[in-house]
Amino acid sequence: MKNILLFLILLQLATYTSYAQEHETEHDIELGHEEGEHFHRHQIGAMIGHAHIYQGSHAEGKKWLVVPMVSLNYNYWINKTWGIGLHTDFILETYEVHEEGEDGEIEILERELPIAPALMAAYKPGEHFTFMLGVGEEFAKEEDLFLIRGEVEYSLELPNAFELGAAVGYDVRFDAYDSWVLALGVSKMF
């Protein structure tokens, strides 16, 4: 059921994006964009970094596991301040999460190359920072986990509508584990 719901949300996003492209020129005129100033609505990018996975509290204290990851991101900018997007994280290793239960017994959750797409809302109040919040699901062979993702990105404009960005994000997986990500990447606006 969760997979069907996610598919319907993505289908709705694709339909909205197609409709918006047909009316982009009319909408730019309504918003008062000059002909010389072109507003790029679409942004596609890739980031590489590390996911820091919370291993729980143990006798030695809190433990974090660090694994490599890549992220493929698509954003559709409604205007210069607000956007929606699909951000998909790919963990490049199989790992185990060890957490001590309340009864003192260690529980092990194995994750084999999980993929975690999330539908994100983006807010860009100025020129460089973007704040994002969204929901998604982490898919792995063992089981799927619902997540909430928060992300902050700092970006610099490059020539030819490219952007260089650095991001920090935090994922909360209910009844499982949390992780945070530190990543660098590049994106193209069109």
N, C-alpha and C. Protein backbone atom coordinates (compact mmCIF):
# COMPACT_ATOMS: atom_id res chain seq x y z
N MET A 1 0.82 -1.19 0.00
CA MET A 1 0.00 0.00 0.00
C MET A 1 0.87 1.26 0.00
N LYS A 2 1.94 1.23 0.79
CA LYS A 2 2.84 2.39 0.85
C LYS A 2 3.46 2.66 -0.52
N ASN A 3 3.86 1.59 -1.22
CA ASN A 3 4.49 1.74 -2.53
C ASN A 3 3.51 2.33 -3.54
N ILE A 4 2.24 1.93 -3.46
CA ILE A 4 1.23 2.47 -4.37
C ILE A 4 1.02 3.95 -4.09
N LEU A 5 0.96 4.33 -2.81
CA LEU A 5 0.80 5.73 -2.45
C LEU A 5 1.98 6.57 -2.93
N LEU A 6 3.19 6.08 -2.76
CA LEU A 6 4.38 6.79 -3.22
C LEU A 6 4.34 6.94 -4.74
N PHE A 7 3.95 5.88 -5.46
CA PHE A 7 3.85 5.93 -6.91
C PHE A 7 2.83 6.98 -7.35
N LEU A 8 1.67 7.05 -6.69
CA LEU A 8 0.65 8.04 -7.05
C LEU A 8 1.13 9.47 -6.80
N ILE A 9 1.87 9.69 -5.72
CA ILE A 9 2.41 11.01 -5.44
C ILE A 9 3.41 11.42 -6.52
N LEU A 10 4.29 10.51 -6.90
CA LEU A 10 5.27 10.80 -7.95
C LEU A 10 4.59 11.04 -9.29
N LEU A 11 3.53 10.27 -9.60
CA LEU A 11 2.79 10.46 -10.84
C LEU A 11 2.14 11.83 -10.86
N GLN A 12 1.59 12.26 -9.73
CA GLN A 12 0.98 13.58 -9.64
C GLN A 12 2.03 14.67 -9.85
N LEU A 13 3.20 14.50 -9.27
CA LEU A 13 4.29 15.46 -9.44
C LEU A 13 4.69 15.57 -10.90
N ALA A 14 4.82 14.44 -11.59
CA ALA A 14 5.19 14.43 -13.00
C ALA A 14 4.12 15.12 -13.85
N THR A 15 2.85 14.88 -13.55
CA THR A 15 1.76 15.50 -14.29
C THR A 15 1.78 17.01 -14.09
N TYR A 16 1.97 17.44 -12.86
CA TYR A 16 2.01 18.88 -12.56
C TYR A 16 3.18 19.54 -13.28
N THR A 17 4.34 18.89 -13.28
CA THR A 17 5.52 19.44 -13.92
C THR A 17 5.29 19.60 -15.42
N SER A 18 4.68 18.61 -16.06
CA SER A 18 4.40 18.67 -17.51
C SER A 18 3.45 19.82 -17.81
N TYR A 19 2.41 19.96 -17.01
CA TYR A 19 1.44 21.04 -17.21
C TYR A 19 2.12 22.40 -17.02
N ALA A 20 2.98 22.49 -16.00
CA ALA A 20 3.64 23.76 -15.70
C ALA A 20 4.57 24.18 -16.82
N GLN A 21 5.23 23.23 -17.49
CA GLN A 21 6.15 23.56 -18.58
C GLN A 21 5.40 24.20 -19.74
N GLU A 22 4.16 23.76 -20.03
CA GLU A 22 3.39 24.30 -21.13
C GLU A 22 3.05 25.76 -20.91
N HIS A 23 2.88 26.15 -19.67
CA HIS A 23 2.45 27.51 -19.36
C HIS A 23 3.54 28.36 -18.75
N GLU A 24 4.79 27.94 -18.90
CA GLU A 24 5.90 28.63 -18.26
C GLU A 24 6.03 30.06 -18.77
N THR A 25 5.96 30.28 -20.08
CA THR A 25 6.15 31.61 -20.65
C THR A 25 5.06 32.55 -20.18
N GLU A 26 3.80 32.11 -20.23
CA GLU A 26 2.70 32.95 -19.78
C GLU A 26 2.86 33.31 -18.30
N HIS A 27 3.27 32.34 -17.49
CA HIS A 27 3.43 32.56 -16.06
C HIS A 27 4.56 33.56 -15.78
N ASP A 28 5.67 33.47 -16.53
CA ASP A 28 6.77 34.41 -16.36
C ASP A 28 6.32 35.84 -16.66
N ILE A 29 5.48 36.00 -17.69
CA ILE A 29 5.00 37.34 -18.05
C ILE A 29 4.10 37.86 -16.93
N GLU A 30 3.24 36.98 -16.38
CA GLU A 30 2.36 37.40 -15.29
C GLU A 30 3.14 37.82 -14.06
N LEU A 31 4.25 37.15 -13.77
CA LEU A 31 5.05 37.48 -12.59
C LEU A 31 5.95 38.69 -12.82
N GLY A 32 6.00 39.20 -14.06
CA GLY A 32 6.77 40.39 -14.34
C GLY A 32 8.24 40.14 -14.64
N HIS A 33 8.61 38.94 -15.05
CA HIS A 33 10.00 38.68 -15.42
C HIS A 33 10.30 39.37 -16.74
N GLU A 34 11.41 40.05 -16.79
CA GLU A 34 11.84 40.71 -18.01
C GLU A 34 12.26 39.67 -19.03
N GLU A 35 12.24 40.03 -20.32
CA GLU A 35 12.65 39.07 -21.35
C GLU A 35 14.12 38.72 -21.23
N GLY A 36 14.96 39.65 -20.82
CA GLY A 36 16.39 39.37 -20.68
C GLY A 36 16.72 38.50 -19.47
N GLU A 37 15.84 38.50 -18.48
CA GLU A 37 16.05 37.73 -17.25
C GLU A 37 15.23 36.44 -17.33
N HIS A 38 15.89 35.31 -17.43
CA HIS A 38 15.18 34.03 -17.53
C HIS A 38 15.23 33.31 -16.20
N PHE A 39 14.07 32.93 -15.72
CA PHE A 39 13.95 32.21 -14.45
C PHE A 39 13.95 30.72 -14.75
N HIS A 40 14.91 29.99 -14.19
CA HIS A 40 15.02 28.55 -14.39
C HIS A 40 14.17 27.83 -13.35
N ARG A 41 13.21 27.06 -13.81
CA ARG A 41 12.30 26.36 -12.90
C ARG A 41 12.79 24.97 -12.52
N HIS A 42 13.58 24.34 -13.36
CA HIS A 42 14.01 22.96 -13.12
C HIS A 42 15.47 22.93 -12.67
N GLN A 43 15.74 22.03 -11.72
CA GLN A 43 17.09 21.87 -11.20
C GLN A 43 17.32 20.38 -10.99
N ILE A 44 18.39 19.87 -11.59
CA ILE A 44 18.75 18.47 -11.40
C ILE A 44 20.19 18.44 -10.93
N GLY A 45 20.47 17.58 -9.94
CA GLY A 45 21.82 17.58 -9.39
C GLY A 45 22.22 16.24 -8.81
N ALA A 46 23.51 16.14 -8.53
CA ALA A 46 24.08 14.94 -7.92
C ALA A 46 25.01 15.39 -6.80
N MET A 47 24.98 14.64 -5.70
CA MET A 47 25.84 14.93 -4.56
C MET A 47 26.52 13.63 -4.12
N ILE A 48 27.68 13.78 -3.53
CA ILE A 48 28.41 12.64 -2.98
C ILE A 48 28.83 13.01 -1.56
N GLY A 49 28.76 12.03 -0.67
CA GLY A 49 29.10 12.33 0.71
C GLY A 49 29.10 11.09 1.58
N HIS A 50 28.86 11.31 2.85
CA HIS A 50 28.83 10.21 3.83
C HIS A 50 27.57 10.31 4.68
N ALA A 51 26.98 9.15 4.93
CA ALA A 51 25.85 9.06 5.85
C ALA A 51 26.39 8.58 7.19
N HIS A 52 26.03 9.26 8.24
CA HIS A 52 26.44 8.92 9.60
C HIS A 52 25.22 8.31 10.28
N ILE A 53 25.29 7.00 10.55
CA ILE A 53 24.14 6.24 11.02
C ILE A 53 24.28 5.99 12.51
N TYR A 54 23.23 6.39 13.23
CA TYR A 54 23.23 6.26 14.68
C TYR A 54 23.10 4.80 15.09
N GLN A 55 24.05 4.33 15.86
CA GLN A 55 24.09 2.94 16.30
C GLN A 55 23.48 2.73 17.68
N GLY A 56 22.97 3.78 18.29
CA GLY A 56 22.35 3.65 19.60
C GLY A 56 23.32 3.92 20.74
N SER A 57 22.81 3.90 21.94
CA SER A 57 23.63 4.10 23.13
C SER A 57 24.09 2.75 23.66
N HIS A 58 25.36 2.64 23.92
CA HIS A 58 25.96 1.41 24.44
C HIS A 58 26.73 1.75 25.71
N ALA A 59 27.34 0.76 26.29
CA ALA A 59 28.12 0.98 27.51
C ALA A 59 29.24 1.99 27.27
N GLU A 60 29.79 2.01 26.03
CA GLU A 60 30.88 2.94 25.69
C GLU A 60 30.37 4.33 25.34
N GLY A 61 29.06 4.52 25.23
CA GLY A 61 28.48 5.80 24.84
C GLY A 61 27.76 5.67 23.51
N LYS A 62 27.50 6.79 22.87
CA LYS A 62 26.80 6.77 21.58
C LYS A 62 27.77 6.41 20.47
N LYS A 63 27.30 5.58 19.52
CA LYS A 63 28.14 5.16 18.39
C LYS A 63 27.50 5.58 17.08
N TRP A 64 28.36 5.94 16.11
CA TRP A 64 27.93 6.30 14.77
C TRP A 64 28.71 5.48 13.76
N LEU A 65 28.02 4.96 12.75
CA LEU A 65 28.63 4.23 11.64
C LEU A 65 28.66 5.17 10.44
N VAL A 66 29.78 5.26 9.73
CA VAL A 66 29.92 6.17 8.59
C VAL A 66 30.02 5.34 7.31
N VAL A 67 29.09 5.60 6.36
CA VAL A 67 29.06 4.86 5.09
C VAL A 67 28.97 5.85 3.92
N PRO A 68 29.56 5.50 2.76
CA PRO A 68 29.49 6.39 1.59
C PRO A 68 28.09 6.40 0.97
N MET A 69 27.73 7.54 0.38
CA MET A 69 26.43 7.67 -0.26
C MET A 69 26.49 8.66 -1.41
N VAL A 70 25.55 8.52 -2.33
CA VAL A 70 25.33 9.50 -3.39
C VAL A 70 23.86 9.88 -3.36
N SER A 71 23.58 11.06 -3.87
CA SER A 71 22.21 11.55 -3.89
C SER A 71 21.92 12.14 -5.26
N LEU A 72 20.78 11.78 -5.83
CA LEU A 72 20.30 12.38 -7.07
C LEU A 72 19.07 13.19 -6.72
N ASN A 73 19.07 14.46 -7.12
CA ASN A 73 18.01 15.37 -6.71
C ASN A 73 17.37 16.06 -7.91
N TYR A 74 16.06 16.25 -7.84
CA TYR A 74 15.33 17.05 -8.82
C TYR A 74 14.46 18.03 -8.05
N ASN A 75 14.52 19.30 -8.43
CA ASN A 75 13.66 20.33 -7.83
C ASN A 75 12.91 21.07 -8.92
N TYR A 76 11.66 21.38 -8.65
CA TYR A 76 10.86 22.25 -9.51
C TYR A 76 10.57 23.51 -8.70
N TRP A 77 11.04 24.67 -9.19
CA TRP A 77 10.88 25.93 -8.46
C TRP A 77 9.60 26.60 -8.92
N ILE A 78 8.66 26.76 -8.01
CA ILE A 78 7.39 27.41 -8.29
C ILE A 78 7.63 28.90 -8.52
N ASN A 79 8.49 29.48 -7.69
CA ASN A 79 8.98 30.85 -7.86
C ASN A 79 10.40 30.87 -7.30
N LYS A 80 10.97 32.04 -7.13
CA LYS A 80 12.37 32.10 -6.67
C LYS A 80 12.55 31.71 -5.21
N THR A 81 11.46 31.58 -4.47
CA THR A 81 11.53 31.27 -3.04
C THR A 81 11.09 29.85 -2.70
N TRP A 82 10.08 29.32 -3.40
CA TRP A 82 9.48 28.04 -3.04
C TRP A 82 9.64 27.01 -4.16
N GLY A 83 9.88 25.77 -3.75
CA GLY A 83 10.00 24.68 -4.71
C GLY A 83 9.60 23.35 -4.10
N ILE A 84 9.43 22.36 -4.96
CA ILE A 84 9.18 20.99 -4.53
C ILE A 84 10.17 20.10 -5.26
N GLY A 85 10.52 18.97 -4.67
CA GLY A 85 11.50 18.13 -5.32
C GLY A 85 11.45 16.69 -4.87
N LEU A 86 12.22 15.89 -5.57
CA LEU A 86 12.40 14.49 -5.23
C LEU A 86 13.90 14.28 -5.01
N HIS A 87 14.28 13.94 -3.78
CA HIS A 87 15.68 13.73 -3.42
C HIS A 87 15.86 12.26 -3.04
N THR A 88 16.74 11.57 -3.77
CA THR A 88 16.93 10.13 -3.57
C THR A 88 18.36 9.85 -3.14
N ASP A 89 18.51 9.27 -1.95
CA ASP A 89 19.83 8.90 -1.41
C ASP A 89 20.08 7.42 -1.67
N PHE A 90 21.29 7.11 -2.11
CA PHE A 90 21.72 5.73 -2.34
C PHE A 90 22.90 5.44 -1.42
N ILE A 91 22.73 4.53 -0.48
CA ILE A 91 23.83 4.11 0.39
C ILE A 91 24.61 3.04 -0.37
N LEU A 92 25.92 3.18 -0.44
CA LEU A 92 26.75 2.32 -1.28
C LEU A 92 27.37 1.13 -0.55
N GLU A 93 26.87 0.81 0.62
CA GLU A 93 27.39 -0.33 1.39
C GLU A 93 26.23 -1.05 2.08
N THR A 94 26.48 -2.31 2.37
CA THR A 94 25.57 -3.07 3.23
C THR A 94 26.09 -2.90 4.65
N TYR A 95 25.19 -2.69 5.59
CA TYR A 95 25.63 -2.43 6.97
C TYR A 95 24.60 -3.00 7.94
N GLU A 96 24.98 -3.04 9.18
CA GLU A 96 24.11 -3.49 10.27
C GLU A 96 24.01 -2.39 11.31
N VAL A 97 22.80 -2.21 11.82
CA VAL A 97 22.58 -1.25 12.90
C VAL A 97 22.38 -2.06 14.17
N HIS A 98 23.23 -1.81 15.16
CA HIS A 98 23.16 -2.49 16.46
C HIS A 98 22.61 -1.51 17.48
N GLU A 99 21.56 -1.90 18.15
CA GLU A 99 21.01 -1.04 19.18
C GLU A 99 20.63 -1.88 20.39
N GLU A 100 20.99 -1.35 21.55
CA GLU A 100 20.67 -2.05 22.79
C GLU A 100 19.24 -1.73 23.19
N GLY A 101 18.44 -2.76 23.40
CA GLY A 101 17.05 -2.59 23.81
C GLY A 101 16.95 -2.25 25.28
N GLU A 102 15.72 -2.00 25.72
CA GLU A 102 15.49 -1.66 27.12
C GLU A 102 15.84 -2.82 28.05
N ASP A 103 15.73 -4.04 27.55
CA ASP A 103 16.04 -5.22 28.36
C ASP A 103 17.54 -5.55 28.36
N GLY A 104 18.35 -4.73 27.69
CA GLY A 104 19.80 -4.94 27.66
C GLY A 104 20.26 -5.83 26.52
N GLU A 105 19.32 -6.38 25.75
CA GLU A 105 19.66 -7.25 24.63
C GLU A 105 19.94 -6.42 23.38
N ILE A 106 20.96 -6.82 22.60
CA ILE A 106 21.33 -6.09 21.39
C ILE A 106 20.48 -6.57 20.22
N GLU A 107 19.82 -5.62 19.56
CA GLU A 107 19.02 -5.92 18.37
C GLU A 107 19.82 -5.52 17.15
N ILE A 108 19.78 -6.35 16.08
CA ILE A 108 20.53 -6.08 14.86
C ILE A 108 19.56 -5.93 13.70
N LEU A 109 19.70 -4.81 12.98
CA LEU A 109 18.90 -4.55 11.79
C LEU A 109 19.88 -4.46 10.62
N GLU A 110 19.81 -5.39 9.67
CA GLU A 110 20.70 -5.37 8.51
C GLU A 110 20.04 -4.59 7.38
N ARG A 111 20.84 -3.77 6.68
CA ARG A 111 20.36 -2.97 5.55
C ARG A 111 21.28 -3.23 4.36
N GLU A 112 20.74 -3.78 3.28
CA GLU A 112 21.54 -4.10 2.10
C GLU A 112 21.29 -3.06 1.01
N LEU A 113 22.27 -2.18 0.78
CA LEU A 113 22.23 -1.13 -0.24
C LEU A 113 20.88 -0.41 -0.31
N PRO A 114 20.48 0.25 0.76
CA PRO A 114 19.16 0.91 0.77
C PRO A 114 19.10 2.12 -0.16
N ILE A 115 17.91 2.36 -0.67
CA ILE A 115 17.60 3.53 -1.51
C ILE A 115 16.50 4.30 -0.79
N ALA A 116 16.70 5.62 -0.61
CA ALA A 116 15.76 6.40 0.18
C ALA A 116 15.28 7.65 -0.56
N PRO A 117 14.21 7.55 -1.37
CA PRO A 117 13.64 8.75 -1.99
C PRO A 117 12.73 9.49 -1.02
N ALA A 118 12.71 10.81 -1.15
CA ALA A 118 11.84 11.64 -0.31
C ALA A 118 11.29 12.79 -1.13
N LEU A 119 10.01 13.07 -0.96
CA LEU A 119 9.36 14.20 -1.59
C LEU A 119 9.58 15.40 -0.68
N MET A 120 10.24 16.44 -1.22
CA MET A 120 10.70 17.55 -0.39
C MET A 120 10.01 18.87 -0.77
N ALA A 121 9.77 19.69 0.24
CA ALA A 121 9.36 21.08 0.05
C ALA A 121 10.60 21.93 0.32
N ALA A 122 10.87 22.90 -0.57
CA ALA A 122 12.09 23.72 -0.46
C ALA A 122 11.73 25.19 -0.28
N TYR A 123 12.48 25.85 0.60
CA TYR A 123 12.32 27.28 0.86
C TYR A 123 13.69 27.94 0.75
N LYS A 124 13.80 28.92 -0.17
CA LYS A 124 15.07 29.62 -0.39
C LYS A 124 14.84 31.11 -0.12
N PRO A 125 15.11 31.56 1.12
CA PRO A 125 14.81 32.94 1.49
C PRO A 125 15.76 33.97 0.89
N GLY A 126 16.94 33.55 0.49
CA GLY A 126 17.93 34.48 -0.06
C GLY A 126 18.63 33.89 -1.25
N GLU A 127 19.88 34.27 -1.40
CA GLU A 127 20.64 33.85 -2.58
C GLU A 127 21.33 32.50 -2.41
N HIS A 128 21.73 32.14 -1.20
CA HIS A 128 22.59 30.97 -1.02
C HIS A 128 21.96 29.79 -0.27
N PHE A 129 21.22 30.03 0.79
CA PHE A 129 20.71 28.94 1.63
C PHE A 129 19.35 28.44 1.14
N THR A 130 19.17 27.12 1.19
CA THR A 130 17.88 26.49 0.90
C THR A 130 17.56 25.55 2.06
N PHE A 131 16.35 25.66 2.60
CA PHE A 131 15.89 24.82 3.69
C PHE A 131 14.82 23.87 3.15
N MET A 132 14.98 22.57 3.41
CA MET A 132 14.06 21.58 2.85
C MET A 132 13.54 20.64 3.94
N LEU A 133 12.31 20.21 3.77
CA LEU A 133 11.67 19.26 4.67
C LEU A 133 10.77 18.36 3.84
N GLY A 134 10.80 17.05 4.14
CA GLY A 134 9.98 16.14 3.35
C GLY A 134 9.81 14.78 4.00
N VAL A 135 9.05 13.94 3.30
CA VAL A 135 8.77 12.58 3.76
C VAL A 135 9.11 11.61 2.64
N GLY A 136 9.46 10.39 3.04
CA GLY A 136 9.78 9.37 2.05
C GLY A 136 9.85 8.00 2.68
N GLU A 137 10.55 7.13 2.01
CA GLU A 137 10.66 5.76 2.47
C GLU A 137 12.04 5.23 2.08
N GLU A 138 12.62 4.46 2.97
CA GLU A 138 13.89 3.80 2.67
C GLU A 138 13.57 2.36 2.26
N PHE A 139 13.96 2.00 1.04
CA PHE A 139 13.70 0.67 0.50
C PHE A 139 14.96 -0.17 0.58
N ALA A 140 14.84 -1.35 1.15
CA ALA A 140 15.94 -2.31 1.21
C ALA A 140 15.33 -3.71 1.14
N LYS A 141 16.18 -4.68 0.84
CA LYS A 141 15.73 -6.07 0.69
C LYS A 141 15.05 -6.58 1.95
N GLU A 142 15.55 -6.19 3.11
CA GLU A 142 15.05 -6.72 4.38
C GLU A 142 13.66 -6.19 4.72
N GLU A 143 13.49 -4.87 4.72
CA GLU A 143 12.20 -4.23 5.00
C GLU A 143 12.28 -2.77 4.61
N ASP A 144 11.12 -2.15 4.41
CA ASP A 144 11.04 -0.73 4.05
C ASP A 144 10.74 0.07 5.32
N LEU A 145 11.37 1.27 5.40
CA LEU A 145 11.22 2.11 6.58
C LEU A 145 10.74 3.50 6.18
N PHE A 146 9.69 4.00 6.82
CA PHE A 146 9.19 5.36 6.60
C PHE A 146 10.17 6.35 7.21
N LEU A 147 10.38 7.49 6.53
CA LEU A 147 11.32 8.49 7.07
C LEU A 147 10.82 9.90 6.86
N ILE A 148 11.31 10.78 7.72
CA ILE A 148 11.14 12.23 7.57
C ILE A 148 12.54 12.80 7.40
N ARG A 149 12.72 13.67 6.40
CA ARG A 149 14.05 14.22 6.08
C ARG A 149 14.03 15.74 6.17
N GLY A 150 15.04 16.28 6.85
CA GLY A 150 15.29 17.71 6.89
C GLY A 150 16.66 17.97 6.29
N GLU A 151 16.79 19.06 5.55
CA GLU A 151 18.06 19.32 4.85
C GLU A 151 18.29 20.82 4.73
N VAL A 152 19.55 21.22 4.84
CA VAL A 152 19.96 22.60 4.60
C VAL A 152 21.09 22.56 3.59
N GLU A 153 20.97 23.39 2.54
CA GLU A 153 22.00 23.42 1.50
C GLU A 153 22.49 24.85 1.30
N TYR A 154 23.80 24.99 1.14
CA TYR A 154 24.41 26.26 0.80
C TYR A 154 24.94 26.11 -0.62
N SER A 155 24.54 27.02 -1.52
CA SER A 155 24.97 26.89 -2.91
C SER A 155 25.55 28.19 -3.45
N LEU A 156 26.43 28.02 -4.41
CA LEU A 156 27.06 29.14 -5.12
C LEU A 156 26.77 29.00 -6.61
N GLU A 157 26.36 30.11 -7.24
CA GLU A 157 26.10 30.07 -8.68
C GLU A 157 27.40 30.00 -9.46
N LEU A 158 27.39 29.16 -10.49
CA LEU A 158 28.51 29.03 -11.42
C LEU A 158 28.03 29.46 -12.80
N PRO A 159 28.94 29.67 -13.75
CA PRO A 159 28.50 30.03 -15.11
C PRO A 159 27.62 28.95 -15.74
N ASN A 160 26.84 29.35 -16.74
CA ASN A 160 25.98 28.46 -17.52
C ASN A 160 24.91 27.76 -16.69
N ALA A 161 24.36 28.45 -15.70
CA ALA A 161 23.27 27.96 -14.86
C ALA A 161 23.62 26.72 -14.06
N PHE A 162 24.88 26.56 -13.67
CA PHE A 162 25.29 25.49 -12.77
C PHE A 162 25.38 26.04 -11.36
N GLU A 163 25.24 25.18 -10.37
CA GLU A 163 25.40 25.56 -8.97
C GLU A 163 26.28 24.53 -8.27
N LEU A 164 27.13 25.00 -7.38
CA LEU A 164 27.95 24.15 -6.52
C LEU A 164 27.33 24.21 -5.13
N GLY A 165 27.08 23.05 -4.51
CA GLY A 165 26.39 23.06 -3.24
C GLY A 165 27.01 22.15 -2.20
N ALA A 166 26.80 22.52 -0.95
CA ALA A 166 27.18 21.69 0.20
C ALA A 166 25.92 21.54 1.06
N ALA A 167 25.63 20.31 1.47
CA ALA A 167 24.39 20.06 2.20
C ALA A 167 24.63 19.24 3.45
N VAL A 168 23.81 19.50 4.44
CA VAL A 168 23.75 18.68 5.64
C VAL A 168 22.27 18.32 5.83
N GLY A 169 22.02 17.04 6.09
CA GLY A 169 20.65 16.58 6.23
C GLY A 169 20.51 15.61 7.38
N TYR A 170 19.26 15.43 7.83
CA TYR A 170 18.99 14.50 8.93
C TYR A 170 17.75 13.71 8.59
N ASP A 171 17.85 12.38 8.67
CA ASP A 171 16.72 11.48 8.43
C ASP A 171 16.30 10.81 9.73
N VAL A 172 15.00 10.82 9.99
CA VAL A 172 14.44 10.11 11.13
C VAL A 172 13.65 8.94 10.57
N ARG A 173 14.05 7.72 10.91
CA ARG A 173 13.33 6.51 10.51
C ARG A 173 12.62 5.99 11.76
N PHE A 174 11.31 6.01 11.72
CA PHE A 174 10.52 5.65 12.89
C PHE A 174 10.70 4.18 13.24
N ASP A 175 10.83 3.90 14.52
CA ASP A 175 11.01 2.55 15.05
C ASP A 175 12.24 1.87 14.47
N ALA A 176 13.26 2.63 14.10
CA ALA A 176 14.48 2.04 13.55
C ALA A 176 15.69 2.86 14.01
N TYR A 177 16.25 3.68 13.15
CA TYR A 177 17.45 4.42 13.48
C TYR A 177 17.42 5.77 12.78
N ASP A 178 18.28 6.68 13.19
CA ASP A 178 18.42 8.00 12.58
C ASP A 178 19.77 8.06 11.87
N SER A 179 19.88 9.02 10.96
CA SER A 179 21.17 9.25 10.30
C SER A 179 21.26 10.72 9.90
N TRP A 180 22.48 11.18 9.73
CA TRP A 180 22.69 12.50 9.17
C TRP A 180 23.70 12.39 8.04
N VAL A 181 23.61 13.32 7.09
CA VAL A 181 24.41 13.27 5.87
C VAL A 181 25.14 14.58 5.69
N LEU A 182 26.38 14.48 5.24
CA LEU A 182 27.17 15.62 4.84
C LEU A 182 27.61 15.35 3.41
N ALA A 183 27.26 16.25 2.47
CA ALA A 183 27.52 15.96 1.05
C ALA A 183 27.88 17.23 0.28
N LEU A 184 28.61 17.04 -0.83
CA LEU A 184 28.97 18.10 -1.78
C LEU A 184 28.48 17.68 -3.15
N GLY A 185 28.08 18.66 -3.98
CA GLY A 185 27.61 18.28 -5.29
C GLY A 185 27.46 19.47 -6.22
N VAL A 186 26.97 19.15 -7.41
CA VAL A 186 26.76 20.16 -8.45
C VAL A 186 25.37 19.92 -9.04
N SER A 187 24.73 21.01 -9.47
CA SER A 187 23.42 20.91 -10.08
C SER A 187 23.35 21.84 -11.29
N LYS A 188 22.40 21.53 -12.17
CA LYS A 188 22.18 22.32 -13.38
C LYS A 188 20.75 22.85 -13.36
N MET A 189 20.61 24.13 -13.61
CA MET A 189 19.29 24.77 -13.70
C MET A 189 18.93 24.86 -15.18
N PHE A 190 17.67 24.60 -15.49
CA PHE A 190 17.21 24.77 -16.88
C PHE A 190 15.74 25.11 -16.91
